Protein backbone atom coordinates (compact mmCIF):
# COMPACT_ATOMS: atom_id res chain seq x y z
CA MET A 1 33.39 34.65 -49.93
CA SER A 2 29.94 34.92 -47.97
CA LEU A 3 28.95 31.60 -49.51
CA LYS A 4 31.98 29.92 -48.13
CA MET A 5 31.75 31.38 -44.86
CA THR A 6 28.21 30.29 -44.79
CA LEU A 7 29.04 27.03 -45.82
CA ASP A 8 32.00 27.14 -42.64
CA SER A 9 29.59 28.03 -40.37
CA SER A 10 27.14 25.52 -41.27
CA LEU A 11 29.70 22.79 -41.07
CA SER A 12 31.19 23.61 -37.84
CA GLY A 13 28.30 24.88 -35.93
CA GLY A 14 25.69 22.92 -37.52
CA ALA A 15 27.13 19.76 -35.95
CA PRO A 16 26.66 20.44 -32.40
CA MET A 17 23.04 21.32 -32.80
CA HIS A 18 22.30 18.34 -34.58
CA ARG A 19 24.42 16.29 -32.25
CA GLY A 20 23.19 17.92 -28.92
CA PRO A 21 19.56 16.84 -28.64
CA TYR A 22 20.90 12.89 -29.85
CA ILE A 23 23.03 12.98 -27.01
CA SER A 24 20.33 14.49 -24.60
CA MET A 25 17.97 11.70 -25.85
CA ILE A 26 20.41 9.01 -25.00
CA THR A 27 21.46 10.27 -21.59
CA ASN A 28 17.52 10.63 -20.90
CA ARG A 29 16.94 7.17 -21.95
CA THR A 30 19.77 5.70 -19.77
CA MET A 31 18.52 7.78 -16.85
CA ASN A 32 15.30 6.47 -17.46
CA LEU A 33 16.50 2.76 -17.40
CA LEU A 34 18.60 3.37 -14.31
CA ILE A 35 15.20 4.91 -12.20
CA ARG A 36 13.12 2.27 -13.26
CA ALA A 37 15.82 -0.25 -12.50
CA ALA A 38 16.38 1.21 -8.79
CA MET A 39 12.64 1.32 -8.20
CA LEU A 40 12.15 -2.38 -9.23
CA PHE A 41 15.13 -3.29 -7.25
CA MET A 42 13.39 -1.71 -4.43
CA VAL A 43 10.09 -3.33 -4.70
CA GLY A 44 11.89 -6.74 -5.00
CA VAL A 45 13.79 -6.15 -1.79
CA PHE A 46 10.67 -5.20 0.09
CA LEU A 47 8.66 -8.12 -1.36
CA ALA A 48 11.11 -10.50 -0.38
CA LEU A 49 11.63 -9.04 3.27
CA VAL A 50 7.77 -9.35 3.93
CA LEU A 51 6.93 -12.55 1.97
CA ASN A 52 9.99 -14.26 3.77
CA LEU A 53 8.90 -13.21 6.74
CA LEU A 54 5.78 -15.08 6.40
CA GLN A 55 7.66 -18.18 5.37
CA VAL A 56 9.96 -18.01 8.52
CA GLN A 57 6.93 -17.29 10.77
CA ARG A 58 5.45 -20.35 9.96
CA ASN A 59 8.74 -22.33 9.75
CA VAL A 60 8.25 -23.23 5.99
CA THR A 61 11.74 -22.07 5.44
CA LEU A 62 14.70 -22.42 8.04
CA PHE A 63 18.07 -20.75 7.97
CA PRO A 64 21.07 -21.90 9.85
CA PRO A 65 21.77 -19.70 12.90
CA ASP A 66 24.81 -18.17 11.65
CA VAL A 67 23.35 -16.81 8.32
CA ILE A 68 20.22 -14.97 10.23
CA SER A 69 21.84 -11.41 9.98
CA SER A 70 18.64 -9.17 9.49
CA ILE A 71 15.97 -7.90 11.64
CA PHE A 72 13.50 -9.74 9.38
CA SER A 73 15.09 -13.37 10.06
CA SER A 74 16.21 -13.42 6.82
CA ALA A 75 19.65 -14.72 5.15
CA TRP A 76 21.56 -11.21 4.49
CA TRP A 77 21.70 -12.19 0.35
CA LEU A 78 18.46 -12.95 0.24
CA PRO A 79 16.98 -9.39 -0.33
CA PRO A 80 19.62 -8.08 -2.59
CA CYS A 81 19.12 -11.42 -4.59
CA CYS A 82 15.28 -10.77 -5.35
CA GLY A 83 15.86 -7.14 -5.76
CA THR A 84 18.42 -7.96 -8.69
CA ALA A 85 16.22 -10.55 -9.97
CA ALA A 86 13.01 -7.95 -9.83
CA ALA A 87 14.96 -5.26 -11.84
CA LEU A 88 16.03 -7.77 -14.46
CA ILE A 89 12.78 -9.22 -14.73
CA GLY A 90 10.80 -5.73 -14.80
CA LEU A 91 13.04 -4.55 -17.42
CA LEU A 92 12.60 -7.68 -19.76
CA TYR A 93 9.13 -7.88 -19.90
CA PRO A 94 8.47 -4.31 -21.85
CA CYS A 95 11.52 -5.22 -24.04
CA MET A 96 10.03 -8.40 -24.89
CA ASP A 97 6.70 -6.65 -25.65
CA ARG A 98 8.21 -4.44 -27.93
CA ARG A 99 10.63 -7.04 -29.72
CA LEU A 100 7.63 -9.62 -30.04
CA GLY A 101 5.68 -6.60 -31.47
CA GLU A 102 2.69 -7.34 -28.69
CA PRO A 103 2.26 -3.94 -26.68
CA HIS A 104 0.44 -5.32 -23.12
CA LYS A 105 -2.80 -3.25 -23.34
CA LEU A 106 -4.76 -5.34 -20.46
CA LYS A 107 -5.56 -3.02 -17.46
CA ARG A 108 -2.71 -0.57 -17.65
CA GLU A 109 -3.45 1.60 -14.64
CA TRP A 110 -1.49 1.39 -11.13
CA SER A 111 -4.41 0.58 -9.57
CA ASN A 112 -4.65 -2.81 -11.09
CA VAL A 113 -1.20 -3.26 -10.88
CA MET A 114 -1.62 -2.74 -6.98
CA ARG A 115 -4.31 -5.33 -7.10
CA CYS A 116 -1.84 -7.76 -8.73
CA VAL A 117 0.49 -7.18 -6.19
CA ALA A 118 -2.05 -7.82 -3.32
CA VAL A 119 -3.25 -10.87 -5.12
CA PHE A 120 0.43 -12.09 -5.18
CA VAL A 121 0.60 -11.47 -1.65
CA GLY A 122 -2.39 -13.39 -0.85
CA ILE A 123 -1.02 -16.44 -2.87
CA ASN A 124 2.23 -16.36 -0.61
CA HIS A 125 0.17 -15.82 2.45
CA ALA A 126 -1.90 -18.81 1.56
CA SER A 127 1.33 -21.02 1.00
CA ALA A 128 2.14 -20.20 4.66
CA LYS A 129 -0.93 -20.16 6.42
CA VAL A 130 -3.63 -22.21 4.87
CA ASP A 131 -3.51 -25.71 6.30
CA PHE A 132 -4.56 -28.23 3.84
CA ALA A 133 -4.53 -32.02 3.60
CA ASN A 134 -1.15 -32.33 1.94
CA ASN A 135 0.96 -30.42 -0.43
CA VAL A 136 -0.50 -31.80 -3.52
CA GLN A 137 -4.03 -30.15 -2.78
CA LEU A 138 -1.93 -26.97 -1.87
CA SER A 139 0.19 -27.07 -5.04
CA LEU A 140 -3.02 -27.68 -7.37
CA THR A 141 -4.84 -24.92 -5.33
CA LEU A 142 -1.82 -22.20 -5.75
CA ALA A 143 -1.45 -23.41 -9.33
CA ALA A 144 -4.90 -22.18 -10.33
CA LEU A 145 -4.50 -18.92 -8.56
CA SER A 146 -1.13 -18.19 -10.21
CA VAL A 147 -2.65 -18.88 -13.46
CA GLY A 148 -5.77 -17.03 -12.30
CA LEU A 149 -3.70 -14.14 -11.52
CA TRP A 150 -1.74 -14.23 -14.82
CA TRP A 151 -5.16 -14.26 -16.80
CA THR A 152 -6.57 -11.53 -14.67
CA PHE A 153 -3.73 -8.99 -15.05
CA ASP A 154 -1.60 -10.31 -18.20
CA ARG A 155 -3.23 -12.48 -20.83
CA SER A 156 -0.23 -12.24 -23.06
CA ARG A 157 1.83 -15.20 -24.75
CA SER A 158 5.06 -13.56 -23.67
CA GLY A 159 4.16 -13.00 -20.14
CA PHE A 160 3.03 -16.61 -19.82
CA GLY A 161 6.13 -17.80 -21.44
CA LEU A 162 8.66 -15.73 -19.55
CA GLY A 163 6.96 -16.85 -16.19
CA VAL A 164 7.30 -20.28 -16.80
CA ILE A 165 10.86 -20.16 -17.93
CA ILE A 166 11.90 -17.87 -15.02
CA ALA A 167 9.88 -20.02 -12.53
CA THR A 168 11.86 -23.02 -13.63
CA PHE A 169 15.34 -21.72 -13.61
CA ALA A 170 14.64 -20.12 -10.08
CA THR A 171 13.11 -23.52 -8.81
CA LEU A 172 16.42 -25.08 -10.06
CA ALA A 173 18.40 -22.50 -8.34
CA THR A 174 16.64 -23.24 -5.34
CA GLN A 175 17.10 -26.82 -5.31
CA LEU A 176 20.69 -26.06 -5.42
CA LEU A 177 20.97 -23.81 -2.52
CA VAL A 178 18.95 -26.16 -0.37
CA TYR A 179 21.15 -29.28 -1.71
CA ASN A 180 23.95 -27.05 -0.58
CA GLY A 181 22.87 -26.41 3.11
CA VAL A 182 22.13 -22.65 2.65
CA PHE A 183 18.83 -23.13 3.89
CA GLN A 184 15.83 -25.78 3.85
CA TYR A 185 12.02 -26.39 3.48
CA THR A 186 10.26 -28.36 6.12
CA SER A 187 8.53 -30.84 4.98
CA PRO A 188 9.80 -31.10 1.18
CA ASP A 189 7.95 -33.01 -1.37
CA PHE A 190 9.79 -31.82 -4.45
CA LEU A 191 13.17 -32.99 -4.24
CA TYR A 192 14.37 -30.75 -1.84
CA ILE A 193 11.82 -28.17 -1.64
CA ARG A 194 7.92 -28.10 -1.93
CA SER A 195 6.06 -28.86 -4.81
CA TRP A 196 4.11 -25.38 -4.57
CA LEU A 197 7.28 -23.33 -4.95
CA PRO A 198 7.24 -22.69 -8.76
CA CYS A 199 3.80 -21.69 -8.36
CA ILE A 200 5.07 -18.48 -6.43
CA PHE A 201 7.74 -18.00 -8.47
CA PHE A 202 5.61 -17.73 -11.54
CA ALA A 203 2.91 -15.41 -9.85
CA GLY A 204 5.97 -13.06 -8.42
CA VAL A 205 7.22 -13.02 -12.06
CA ILE A 206 3.86 -11.87 -13.53
CA THR A 207 3.73 -9.40 -10.66
CA VAL A 208 6.79 -7.73 -11.18
CA GLY A 209 6.55 -8.01 -15.07
CA ASN A 210 3.57 -5.94 -14.68
CA ILE A 211 5.12 -3.16 -12.50
CA GLY A 212 7.94 -3.34 -14.88
CA ARG A 213 5.39 -2.66 -17.79
CA GLN A 214 4.06 0.38 -15.57
CA LEU A 215 7.07 1.86 -15.20
CA ALA A 216 7.84 1.94 -18.70
CA LEU A 217 5.00 4.15 -19.56
CA VAL A 218 6.34 6.77 -17.11
CA ASN A 219 8.88 9.07 -18.50
CA PHE A 220 11.55 10.78 -16.66
CA TYR A 221 12.88 14.14 -18.00
CA PHE A 222 15.99 15.72 -16.84
CA GLN A 223 18.14 18.92 -17.99
CA PHE A 224 21.32 19.12 -18.84
């Protein structure tokens, strides 16, 4: 009788004890994912506002008057789109590192991540401020700087491959937006845009990817 009671109690009371930690682990993992996505979204929005302000001030990008609806003279949809893209890219990079079995170990400190952000802002600043003889020279210079950013702060094959792929799709999307009259570039030399734009996209992907990798090392704990 006592053996039956012991078995019954183990079957009835044991399941919640095993199921509780599992549910807690899944919940914490989900919350960590949501917090990282929110942080990356805010980073993307901030970079979009600051960097696009440089382009607008130098008349590199021109938006129609009817879509200018923020204090930073940017189209209202641009910061949310950049924030969403930053969240996806920042979550994708550490995920690909795990899937490919290539953990990123180069300079895994926040100080290096901030240096990467500073270099990216500098590259964007150069595209808007520095005067070159023609766009070809500017494009080659920015391409060298972007690859240098990858070599200095990344050096992973997955990082380079994702950077090229995402930059290609982002360039095609920009071409479509400009073709449909959403905004325009002054003096375009690569169909409807400037030829250095893919370099900016590539550097931005590498930068956001490194931020996402660094955030993946941080664990946020919650009690339920």
